[in-house]
Amino acid sequence: MSRVVLRGVPDHLHREIRQAAAWNRRTVSAEILFRLEESFAQRTVDTEPLLERIQQRRKSIGALDLSEEVLRRMKNEGRP
């Protein structure tokens, strides 16, 4: 098997790309192109279910007290 040289890519990342390419039955180049295309693809998000989940989560958590005193205490908690 020939080794594809990726300049500037750390060995551990190169291994992960090779493994992903093998798993997905792609060449290393095809795997890289696929992932680049996916990262730049525009995605539409259905906001209604997302907003509903956020509202349900807020109800389950209840009101949060984020006063300066509470935030200060939280920041210092566990510090020597």
PDB file of N, CA and C in Angstrom:
ATOM      1  N   MET A   1       0.860  -1.182   0.000  1.00  0.00           N
ATOM      2  CA  MET A   1       0.000   0.000   0.000  1.00  0.00           C
ATOM      3  C   MET A   1       0.895   1.230   0.000  1.00  0.00           C
ATOM      4  N   SER A   2       0.622   2.163  -0.890  1.00  0.00           N
ATOM      5  CA  SER A   2       1.423   3.380  -0.920  1.00  0.00           C
ATOM      6  C   SER A   2       0.939   4.338   0.155  1.00  0.00           C
ATOM      7  N   ARG A   3       1.861   5.081   0.669  1.00  0.00           N
ATOM      8  CA  ARG A   3       1.546   6.034   1.738  1.00  0.00           C
ATOM      9  C   ARG A   3       1.339   7.411   1.125  1.00  0.00           C
ATOM     10  N   VAL A   4       0.192   8.007   1.419  1.00  0.00           N
ATOM     11  CA  VAL A   4      -0.088   9.367   0.966  1.00  0.00           C
ATOM     12  C   VAL A   4       0.611  10.317   1.914  1.00  0.00           C
ATOM     13  N   VAL A   5       1.360  11.243   1.375  1.00  0.00           N
ATOM     14  CA  VAL A   5       2.084  12.205   2.198  1.00  0.00           C
ATOM     15  C   VAL A   5       1.232  13.454   2.355  1.00  0.00           C
ATOM     16  N   LEU A   6       0.974  13.793   3.585  1.00  0.00           N
ATOM     17  CA  LEU A   6       0.228  15.011   3.898  1.00  0.00           C
ATOM     18  C   LEU A   6       1.169  15.929   4.654  1.00  0.00           C
ATOM     19  N   ARG A   7       1.630  16.948   3.997  1.00  0.00           N
ATOM     20  CA  ARG A   7       2.601  17.852   4.616  1.00  0.00           C
ATOM     21  C   ARG A   7       1.963  18.637   5.748  1.00  0.00           C
ATOM     22  N   GLY A   8       2.684  18.676   6.855  1.00  0.00           N
ATOM     23  CA  GLY A   8       2.245  19.472   7.988  1.00  0.00           C
ATOM     24  C   GLY A   8       1.161  18.828   8.832  1.00  0.00           C
ATOM     25  N   VAL A   9       0.744  17.612   8.477  1.00  0.00           N
ATOM     26  CA  VAL A   9      -0.298  16.929   9.247  1.00  0.00           C
ATOM     27  C   VAL A   9       0.390  16.007  10.260  1.00  0.00           C
ATOM     28  N   PRO A  10       0.089  16.166  11.537  1.00  0.00           N
ATOM     29  CA  PRO A  10       0.709  15.308  12.550  1.00  0.00           C
ATOM     30  C   PRO A  10       0.395  13.827  12.287  1.00  0.00           C
ATOM     31  N   ASP A  11       1.334  12.974  12.683  1.00  0.00           N
ATOM     32  CA  ASP A  11       1.188  11.539  12.437  1.00  0.00           C
ATOM     33  C   ASP A  11      -0.114  10.972  12.991  1.00  0.00           C
ATOM     34  N   HIS A  12      -0.487  11.393  14.209  1.00  0.00           N
ATOM     35  CA  HIS A  12      -1.702  10.835  14.810  1.00  0.00           C
ATOM     36  C   HIS A  12      -2.945  11.196  13.989  1.00  0.00           C
ATOM     37  N   LEU A  13      -2.973  12.404  13.442  1.00  0.00           N
ATOM     38  CA  LEU A  13      -4.109  12.826  12.632  1.00  0.00           C
ATOM     39  C   LEU A  13      -4.108  12.092  11.287  1.00  0.00           C
ATOM     40  N   HIS A  14      -2.932  11.902  10.739  1.00  0.00           N
ATOM     41  CA  HIS A  14      -2.809  11.163   9.475  1.00  0.00           C
ATOM     42  C   HIS A  14      -3.319   9.731   9.658  1.00  0.00           C
ATOM     43  N   ARG A  15      -2.986   9.120  10.798  1.00  0.00           N
ATOM     44  CA  ARG A  15      -3.476   7.756  11.082  1.00  0.00           C
ATOM     45  C   ARG A  15      -5.000   7.741  11.162  1.00  0.00           C
ATOM     46  N   GLU A  16      -5.573   8.740  11.815  1.00  0.00           N
ATOM     47  CA  GLU A  16      -7.031   8.801  11.954  1.00  0.00           C
ATOM     48  C   GLU A  16      -7.711   8.970  10.596  1.00  0.00           C
ATOM     49  N   ILE A  17      -7.128   9.800   9.744  1.00  0.00           N
ATOM     50  CA  ILE A  17      -7.691   9.986   8.404  1.00  0.00           C
ATOM     51  C   ILE A  17      -7.625   8.679   7.623  1.00  0.00           C
ATOM     52  N   ARG A  18      -6.477   8.002   7.685  1.00  0.00           N
ATOM     53  CA  ARG A  18      -6.334   6.715   6.983  1.00  0.00           C
ATOM     54  C   ARG A  18      -7.354   5.695   7.493  1.00  0.00           C
ATOM     55  N   GLN A  19      -7.527   5.633   8.812  1.00  0.00           N
ATOM     56  CA  GLN A  19      -8.485   4.687   9.393  1.00  0.00           C
ATOM     57  C   GLN A  19      -9.908   5.015   8.961  1.00  0.00           C
ATOM     58  N   ALA A  20     -10.262   6.300   8.979  1.00  0.00           N
ATOM     59  CA  ALA A  20     -11.606   6.713   8.569  1.00  0.00           C
ATOM     60  C   ALA A  20     -11.826   6.400   7.094  1.00  0.00           C
ATOM     61  N   ALA A  21     -10.803   6.641   6.279  1.00  0.00           N
ATOM     62  CA  ALA A  21     -10.912   6.358   4.844  1.00  0.00           C
ATOM     63  C   ALA A  21     -11.148   4.865   4.626  1.00  0.00           C
ATOM     64  N   ALA A  22     -10.410   4.040   5.329  1.00  0.00           N
ATOM     65  CA  ALA A  22     -10.581   2.589   5.193  1.00  0.00           C
ATOM     66  C   ALA A  22     -11.977   2.176   5.645  1.00  0.00           C
ATOM     67  N   TRP A  23     -12.412   2.705   6.772  1.00  0.00           N
ATOM     68  CA  TRP A  23     -13.727   2.372   7.313  1.00  0.00           C
ATOM     69  C   TRP A  23     -14.830   2.764   6.332  1.00  0.00           C
ATOM     70  N   ASN A  24     -14.669   3.913   5.687  1.00  0.00           N
ATOM     71  CA  ASN A  24     -15.676   4.423   4.760  1.00  0.00           C
ATOM     72  C   ASN A  24     -15.442   3.976   3.320  1.00  0.00           C
ATOM     73  N   ARG A  25     -14.451   3.113   3.147  1.00  0.00           N
ATOM     74  CA  ARG A  25     -14.111   2.575   1.822  1.00  0.00           C
ATOM     75  C   ARG A  25     -13.838   3.694   0.816  1.00  0.00           C
ATOM     76  N   ARG A  26     -13.000   4.622   1.259  1.00  0.00           N
ATOM     77  CA  ARG A  26     -12.581   5.732   0.406  1.00  0.00           C
ATOM     78  C   ARG A  26     -11.062   5.783   0.395  1.00  0.00           C
ATOM     79  N   THR A  27     -10.528   6.493  -0.582  1.00  0.00           N
ATOM     80  CA  THR A  27      -9.112   6.811  -0.543  1.00  0.00           C
ATOM     81  C   THR A  27      -8.915   7.910   0.488  1.00  0.00           C
ATOM     82  N   VAL A  28      -7.673   8.109   0.888  1.00  0.00           N
ATOM     83  CA  VAL A  28      -7.390   9.181   1.840  1.00  0.00           C
ATOM     84  C   VAL A  28      -7.805  10.519   1.236  1.00  0.00           C
ATOM     85  N   SER A  29      -7.495  10.727  -0.028  1.00  0.00           N
ATOM     86  CA  SER A  29      -7.873  11.987  -0.688  1.00  0.00           C
ATOM     87  C   SER A  29      -9.383  12.168  -0.714  1.00  0.00           C
ATOM     88  N   ALA A  30     -10.105  11.104  -1.042  1.00  0.00           N
ATOM     89  CA  ALA A  30     -11.568  11.183  -1.088  1.00  0.00           C
ATOM     90  C   ALA A  30     -12.143  11.459   0.297  1.00  0.00           C
ATOM     91  N   GLU A  31     -11.543  10.873   1.333  1.00  0.00           N
ATOM     92  CA  GLU A  31     -12.010  11.105   2.706  1.00  0.00           C
ATOM     93  C   GLU A  31     -11.819  12.569   3.091  1.00  0.00           C
ATOM     94  N   ILE A  32     -10.659  13.114   2.755  1.00  0.00           N
ATOM     95  CA  ILE A  32     -10.377  14.517   3.072  1.00  0.00           C
ATOM     96  C   ILE A  32     -11.343  15.426   2.326  1.00  0.00           C
ATOM     97  N   LEU A  33     -11.557  15.180   1.038  1.00  0.00           N
ATOM     98  CA  LEU A  33     -12.488  15.998   0.262  1.00  0.00           C
ATOM     99  C   LEU A  33     -13.906  15.905   0.807  1.00  0.00           C
ATOM    100  N   PHE A  34     -14.340  14.691   1.162  1.00  0.00           N
ATOM    101  CA  PHE A  34     -15.675  14.503   1.717  1.00  0.00           C
ATOM    102  C   PHE A  34     -15.845  15.326   2.993  1.00  0.00           C
ATOM    103  N   ARG A  35     -14.853  15.234   3.872  1.00  0.00           N
ATOM    104  CA  ARG A  35     -14.948  15.959   5.141  1.00  0.00           C
ATOM    105  C   ARG A  35     -14.901  17.469   4.950  1.00  0.00           C
ATOM    106  N   LEU A  36     -14.107  17.940   4.007  1.00  0.00           N
ATOM    107  CA  LEU A  36     -14.081  19.373   3.722  1.00  0.00           C
ATOM    108  C   LEU A  36     -15.425  19.838   3.179  1.00  0.00           C
ATOM    109  N   GLU A  37     -15.973  19.084   2.242  1.00  0.00           N
ATOM    110  CA  GLU A  37     -17.276  19.452   1.687  1.00  0.00           C
ATOM    111  C   GLU A  37     -18.343  19.472   2.769  1.00  0.00           C
ATOM    112  N   GLU A  38     -18.327  18.487   3.652  1.00  0.00           N
ATOM    113  CA  GLU A  38     -19.301  18.443   4.749  1.00  0.00           C
ATOM    114  C   GLU A  38     -19.155  19.646   5.677  1.00  0.00           C
ATOM    115  N   SER A  39     -17.925  20.045   5.935  1.00  0.00           N
ATOM    116  CA  SER A  39     -17.716  21.138   6.883  1.00  0.00           C
ATOM    117  C   SER A  39     -18.172  22.481   6.318  1.00  0.00           C
ATOM    118  N   PHE A  40     -18.199  22.610   4.993  1.00  0.00           N
ATOM    119  CA  PHE A  40     -18.612  23.867   4.382  1.00  0.00           C
ATOM    120  C   PHE A  40     -20.038  23.841   3.845  1.00  0.00           C
ATOM    121  N   ALA A  41     -20.677  22.704   3.896  1.00  0.00           N
ATOM    122  CA  ALA A  41     -22.045  22.585   3.389  1.00  0.00           C
ATOM    123  C   ALA A  41     -22.989  23.411   4.264  1.00  0.00           C
ATOM    124  N   GLN A  42     -23.912  24.078   3.631  1.00  0.00           N
ATOM    125  CA  GLN A  42     -24.910  24.838   4.384  1.00  0.00           C
ATOM    126  C   GLN A  42     -25.947  23.871   4.928  1.00  0.00           C
ATOM    127  N   ARG A  43     -26.236  24.030   6.178  1.00  0.00           N
ATOM    128  CA  ARG A  43     -27.217  23.179   6.814  1.00  0.00           C
ATOM    129  C   ARG A  43     -28.393  24.036   7.247  1.00  0.00           C
ATOM    130  N   THR A  44     -29.582  23.542   6.981  1.00  0.00           N
ATOM    131  CA  THR A  44     -30.765  24.236   7.471  1.00  0.00           C
ATOM    132  C   THR A  44     -31.198  23.538   8.759  1.00  0.00           C
ATOM    133  N   VAL A  45     -31.605  24.324   9.689  1.00  0.00           N
ATOM    134  CA  VAL A  45     -32.021  23.799  10.989  1.00  0.00           C
ATOM    135  C   VAL A  45     -33.496  24.119  11.166  1.00  0.00           C
ATOM    136  N   ASP A  46     -34.258  23.078  11.513  1.00  0.00           N
ATOM    137  CA  ASP A  46     -35.663  23.284  11.824  1.00  0.00           C
ATOM    138  C   ASP A  46     -35.713  23.843  13.243  1.00  0.00           C
ATOM    139  N   THR A  47     -35.973  25.132  13.360  1.00  0.00           N
ATOM    140  CA  THR A  47     -35.853  25.801  14.649  1.00  0.00           C
ATOM    141  C   THR A  47     -36.978  25.480  15.628  1.00  0.00           C
ATOM    142  N   GLU A  48     -38.134  25.125  15.128  1.00  0.00           N
ATOM    143  CA  GLU A  48     -39.266  24.876  16.028  1.00  0.00           C
ATOM    144  C   GLU A  48     -38.979  23.745  17.029  1.00  0.00           C
ATOM    145  N   PRO A  49     -38.580  22.561  16.574  1.00  0.00           N
ATOM    146  CA  PRO A  49     -38.270  21.505  17.560  1.00  0.00           C
ATOM    147  C   PRO A  49     -37.108  21.884  18.481  1.00  0.00           C
ATOM    148  N   LEU A  50     -36.133  22.594  17.946  1.00  0.00           N
ATOM    149  CA  LEU A  50     -35.006  23.015  18.770  1.00  0.00           C
ATOM    150  C   LEU A  50     -35.463  23.963  19.873  1.00  0.00           C
ATOM    151  N   LEU A  51     -36.260  24.954  19.512  1.00  0.00           N
ATOM    152  CA  LEU A  51     -36.761  25.891  20.514  1.00  0.00           C
ATOM    153  C   LEU A  51     -37.645  25.192  21.546  1.00  0.00           C
ATOM    154  N   GLU A  52     -38.425  24.234  21.102  1.00  0.00           N
ATOM    155  CA  GLU A  52     -39.266  23.484  22.035  1.00  0.00           C
ATOM    156  C   GLU A  52     -38.410  22.707  23.037  1.00  0.00           C
ATOM    157  N   ARG A  53     -37.335  22.085  22.558  1.00  0.00           N
ATOM    158  CA  ARG A  53     -36.436  21.354  23.464  1.00  0.00           C
ATOM    159  C   ARG A  53     -35.782  22.302  24.457  1.00  0.00           C
ATOM    160  N   ILE A  54     -35.394  23.476  23.988  1.00  0.00           N
ATOM    161  CA  ILE A  54     -34.781  24.461  24.885  1.00  0.00           C
ATOM    162  C   ILE A  54     -35.768  24.894  25.961  1.00  0.00           C
ATOM    163  N   GLN A  55     -37.010  25.144  25.566  1.00  0.00           N
ATOM    164  CA  GLN A  55     -38.022  25.552  26.542  1.00  0.00           C
ATOM    165  C   GLN A  55     -38.294  24.444  27.555  1.00  0.00           C
ATOM    166  N   GLN A  56     -38.356  23.205  27.089  1.00  0.00           N
ATOM    167  CA  GLN A  56     -38.564  22.080  28.010  1.00  0.00           C
ATOM    168  C   GLN A  56     -37.402  21.954  28.990  1.00  0.00           C
ATOM    169  N   ARG A  57     -36.183  22.135  28.483  1.00  0.00           N
ATOM    170  CA  ARG A  57     -35.010  22.053  29.356  1.00  0.00           C
ATOM    171  C   ARG A  57     -35.048  23.150  30.402  1.00  0.00           C
ATOM    172  N   ARG A  58     -35.404  24.367  29.995  1.00  0.00           N
ATOM    173  CA  ARG A  58     -35.488  25.476  30.945  1.00  0.00           C
ATOM    174  C   ARG A  58     -36.503  25.189  32.039  1.00  0.00           C
ATOM    175  N   LYS A  59     -37.641  24.601  31.652  1.00  0.00           N
ATOM    176  CA  LYS A  59     -38.670  24.269  32.641  1.00  0.00           C
ATOM    177  C   LYS A  59     -38.160  23.222  33.618  1.00  0.00           C
ATOM    178  N   SER A  60     -37.421  22.230  33.110  1.00  0.00           N
ATOM    179  CA  SER A  60     -36.930  21.167  33.981  1.00  0.00           C
ATOM    180  C   SER A  60     -35.845  21.655  34.925  1.00  0.00           C
ATOM    181  N   ILE A  61     -35.066  22.645  34.503  1.00  0.00           N
ATOM    182  CA  ILE A  61     -33.993  23.175  35.338  1.00  0.00           C
ATOM    183  C   ILE A  61     -34.528  24.166  36.355  1.00  0.00           C
ATOM    184  N   GLY A  62     -35.480  24.965  35.944  1.00  0.00           N
ATOM    185  CA  GLY A  62     -35.999  26.008  36.818  1.00  0.00           C
ATOM    186  C   GLY A  62     -35.186  27.270  36.662  1.00  0.00           C
ATOM    187  N   ALA A  63     -35.535  28.264  37.408  1.00  0.00           N
ATOM    188  CA  ALA A  63     -34.849  29.549  37.322  1.00  0.00           C
ATOM    189  C   ALA A  63     -33.449  29.435  37.906  1.00  0.00           C
ATOM    190  N   LEU A  64     -32.511  30.070  37.259  1.00  0.00           N
ATOM    191  CA  LEU A  64     -31.135  30.081  37.748  1.00  0.00           C
ATOM    192  C   LEU A  64     -30.826  31.434  38.353  1.00  0.00           C
ATOM    193  N   ASP A  65     -30.206  31.395  39.513  1.00  0.00           N
ATOM    194  CA  ASP A  65     -29.766  32.628  40.167  1.00  0.00           C
ATOM    195  C   ASP A  65     -28.332  32.889  39.712  1.00  0.00           C
ATOM    196  N   LEU A  66     -28.168  33.902  38.869  1.00  0.00           N
ATOM    197  CA  LEU A  66     -26.841  34.229  38.379  1.00  0.00           C
ATOM    198  C   LEU A  66     -26.425  35.625  38.820  1.00  0.00           C
ATOM    199  N   SER A  67     -26.733  35.915  40.059  1.00  0.00           N
ATOM    200  CA  SER A  67     -26.337  37.209  40.609  1.00  0.00           C
ATOM    201  C   SER A  67     -24.808  37.248  40.733  1.00  0.00           C
ATOM    202  N   GLU A  68     -24.275  38.451  40.913  1.00  0.00           N
ATOM    203  CA  GLU A  68     -22.812  38.585  41.029  1.00  0.00           C
ATOM    204  C   GLU A  68     -22.273  37.748  42.178  1.00  0.00           C
ATOM    205  N   GLU A  69     -22.978  37.739  43.277  1.00  0.00           N
ATOM    206  CA  GLU A  69     -22.529  36.974  44.445  1.00  0.00           C
ATOM    207  C   GLU A  69     -22.480  35.487  44.136  1.00  0.00           C
ATOM    208  N   VAL A  70     -23.511  34.971  43.503  1.00  0.00           N
ATOM    209  CA  VAL A  70     -23.556  33.543  43.170  1.00  0.00           C
ATOM    210  C   VAL A  70     -22.442  33.209  42.184  1.00  0.00           C
ATOM    211  N   LEU A  71     -22.257  34.042  41.163  1.00  0.00           N
ATOM    212  CA  LEU A  71     -21.197  33.799  40.189  1.00  0.00           C
ATOM    213  C   LEU A  71     -19.818  33.844  40.844  1.00  0.00           C
ATOM    214  N   ARG A  72     -19.598  34.787  41.740  1.00  0.00           N
ATOM    215  CA  ARG A  72     -18.321  34.896  42.449  1.00  0.00           C
ATOM    216  C   ARG A  72     -18.071  33.633  43.272  1.00  0.00           C
ATOM    217  N   ARG A  73     -19.109  33.177  43.974  1.00  0.00           N
ATOM    218  CA  ARG A  73     -18.986  31.973  44.793  1.00  0.00           C
ATOM    219  C   ARG A  73     -18.679  30.757  43.918  1.00  0.00           C
ATOM    220  N   MET A  74     -19.355  30.660  42.771  1.00  0.00           N
ATOM    221  CA  MET A  74     -19.131  29.528  41.867  1.00  0.00           C
ATOM    222  C   MET A  74     -17.704  29.551  41.313  1.00  0.00           C
ATOM    223  N   LYS A  75     -17.210  30.742  40.963  1.00  0.00           N
ATOM    224  CA  LYS A  75     -15.846  30.848  40.440  1.00  0.00           C
ATOM    225  C   LYS A  75     -14.812  30.427  41.477  1.00  0.00           C
ATOM    226  N   ASN A  76     -15.051  30.790  42.733  1.00  0.00           N
ATOM    227  CA  ASN A  76     -14.065  30.518  43.783  1.00  0.00           C
ATOM    228  C   ASN A  76     -14.220  29.144  44.419  1.00  0.00           C
ATOM    229  N   GLU A  77     -15.309  28.473  44.112  1.00  0.00           N
ATOM    230  CA  GLU A  77     -15.568  27.172  44.721  1.00  0.00           C
ATOM    231  C   GLU A  77     -14.472  26.182  44.323  1.00  0.00           C
ATOM    232  N   GLY A  78     -13.904  25.545  45.293  1.00  0.00           N
ATOM    233  CA  GLY A  78     -12.886  24.547  45.014  1.00  0.00           C
ATOM    234  C   GLY A  78     -11.484  25.113  44.864  1.00  0.00           C
ATOM    235  N   ARG A  79     -11.349  26.433  44.900  1.00  0.00           N
ATOM    236  CA  ARG A  79     -10.022  27.019  44.808  1.00  0.00           C
ATOM    237  C   ARG A  79      -9.410  27.099  46.188  1.00  0.00           C
ATOM    238  N   PRO A  80      -8.090  26.911  46.283  1.00  0.00           N
ATOM    239  CA  PRO A  80      -7.435  26.962  47.620  1.00  0.00           C
ATOM    240  C   PRO A  80      -7.424  28.374  48.192  1.00  0.00           C
TER     241      PRO A  80
END
